Amino acid sequence: MYSRKEEGDWEVTANGLYVATRGYLIRRGFCCSNKCRNCPYINWRNNPHWQPLPAECIKRARVSPKSTCAAQTLLAHHEQELQHCQPAEKARHQEMVAHYTRLLEQWGIK
């Protein structure tokens, strides 16, 4: 189970902005579709180093249509990339397909 209780809920950027931490967003239990910088549900910024939240942390809670649409779009993207990717990229796309499939199933969408 995910355990980062020692992590605070907010981090302050160099510009003085308060940003929700990944741990807080996981504990909150749902994606708000505000494209949070540390979102563990959806890779909004197409960051190659992004990691999905652990499967046991995915809950069916309030899910906006924007979040489900993003998850469906990214699932289709990674499924398509699997058809044309280099062998070194295959494991990453398979991991992302599994994540978005799990997320949509848990949200009752797929």
Protein backbone atom coordinates (compact mmCIF):
# COMPACT_ATOMS: atom_id res chain seq x y z
CA MET A 1 0.00 0.00 0.00
CA TYR A 2 1.16 3.52 -0.74
CA SER A 3 2.59 5.13 2.36
CA ARG A 4 4.02 8.64 2.37
CA LYS A 5 2.20 10.00 5.39
CA GLU A 6 5.26 12.07 6.33
CA GLU A 7 4.86 14.06 3.11
CA GLY A 8 2.96 17.29 3.56
CA ASP A 9 -0.07 18.24 1.51
CA TRP A 10 1.55 21.18 -0.25
CA GLU A 11 4.88 22.19 -1.69
CA VAL A 12 5.84 25.78 -2.44
CA THR A 13 7.42 26.54 -5.81
CA ALA A 14 10.25 29.02 -6.36
CA ASN A 15 7.53 31.47 -7.48
CA GLY A 16 5.69 31.11 -4.19
CA LEU A 17 2.84 29.02 -5.59
CA TYR A 18 1.33 26.27 -3.46
CA VAL A 19 1.14 22.96 -5.35
CA ALA A 20 -0.61 19.84 -4.06
CA THR A 21 1.84 17.01 -3.45
CA ARG A 22 1.50 13.60 -5.09
CA GLY A 23 0.88 12.03 -1.67
CA TYR A 24 -1.97 14.43 -0.93
CA LEU A 25 -3.55 13.79 -4.33
CA ILE A 26 -3.40 10.02 -3.77
CA ARG A 27 -4.86 10.32 -0.24
CA ARG A 28 -7.63 12.59 -1.57
CA GLY A 29 -8.72 9.66 -3.73
CA PHE A 30 -9.90 11.23 -6.98
CA CYS A 31 -8.80 13.18 -10.02
CA CYS A 32 -10.22 16.70 -10.08
CA SER A 33 -9.30 17.33 -13.77
CA ASN A 34 -7.45 20.53 -12.90
CA LYS A 35 -4.30 19.09 -14.51
CA CYS A 36 -2.42 19.17 -11.22
CA ARG A 37 1.36 19.20 -11.59
CA ASN A 38 1.73 16.09 -9.40
CA CYS A 39 -1.41 14.23 -10.57
CA PRO A 40 -0.93 10.47 -10.01
CA TYR A 41 -4.02 9.56 -12.08
CA ILE A 42 -3.48 11.20 -15.48
CA ASN A 43 -0.19 12.17 -17.11
CA TRP A 44 -1.55 15.60 -18.12
CA ARG A 45 1.85 16.99 -19.12
CA ASN A 46 3.05 13.94 -21.07
CA ASN A 47 6.06 13.72 -18.76
CA PRO A 48 8.23 10.72 -19.71
CA HIS A 49 9.24 10.27 -16.04
CA TRP A 50 5.64 10.24 -14.74
CA GLN A 51 4.62 7.21 -12.68
CA PRO A 52 1.03 6.12 -12.07
CA LEU A 53 -0.25 5.65 -8.56
CA PRO A 54 -0.20 2.11 -7.13
CA ALA A 55 -3.18 0.03 -8.27
CA GLU A 56 -4.42 -0.47 -4.70
CA CYS A 57 -4.83 3.30 -4.33
CA ILE A 58 -7.27 3.68 -7.23
CA LYS A 59 -10.75 4.26 -5.88
CA ARG A 60 -14.04 4.92 -7.52
CA ALA A 61 -14.90 8.35 -6.35
CA ARG A 62 -16.02 11.53 -8.00
CA VAL A 63 -14.78 11.31 -11.56
CA SER A 64 -15.30 14.14 -13.98
CA PRO A 65 -15.99 13.56 -17.67
CA LYS A 66 -12.76 15.46 -18.38
CA SER A 67 -10.74 12.88 -16.38
CA THR A 68 -12.40 9.91 -18.04
CA CYS A 69 -11.91 11.44 -21.48
CA ALA A 70 -8.22 12.04 -20.74
CA ALA A 71 -7.76 8.47 -19.49
CA GLN A 72 -9.52 7.05 -22.58
CA THR A 73 -7.44 9.25 -24.90
CA LEU A 74 -4.17 8.27 -23.24
CA LEU A 75 -5.15 4.59 -23.25
CA ALA A 76 -5.79 4.78 -27.01
CA HIS A 77 -2.51 6.65 -27.51
CA HIS A 78 -0.44 4.04 -25.66
CA GLU A 79 -2.26 1.16 -27.39
CA GLN A 80 -1.44 2.74 -30.75
CA GLU A 81 2.17 3.41 -29.77
CA LEU A 82 2.58 -0.28 -28.87
CA GLN A 83 2.02 -1.09 -32.54
CA HIS A 84 4.89 1.10 -33.75
CA CYS A 85 7.32 1.58 -30.86
CA GLN A 86 10.90 0.50 -30.48
CA PRO A 87 11.53 -2.57 -28.29
CA ALA A 88 13.05 -0.34 -25.59
CA GLU A 89 9.79 1.63 -25.32
CA LYS A 90 7.43 -1.36 -25.28
CA ALA A 91 7.48 -1.99 -21.51
CA ARG A 92 6.59 1.66 -20.76
CA HIS A 93 3.62 1.63 -23.14
CA GLN A 94 2.42 -1.70 -21.74
CA GLU A 95 2.64 -0.26 -18.21
CA MET A 96 0.61 2.79 -19.25
CA VAL A 97 -2.02 0.65 -21.03
CA ALA A 98 -2.40 -1.43 -17.86
CA HIS A 99 -2.65 1.72 -15.69
CA TYR A 100 -5.30 3.49 -17.78
CA THR A 101 -7.28 0.25 -18.22
CA ARG A 102 -7.27 -0.30 -14.43
CA LEU A 103 -8.21 3.32 -13.81
CA LEU A 104 -11.18 3.20 -16.19
CA GLU A 105 -12.34 -0.16 -14.84
CA GLN A 106 -12.20 1.11 -11.27
CA TRP A 107 -14.08 4.23 -12.28
CA GLY A 108 -16.76 2.01 -13.85
CA ILE A 109 -16.10 3.29 -17.37
CA LYS A 110 -14.63 0.31 -19.19
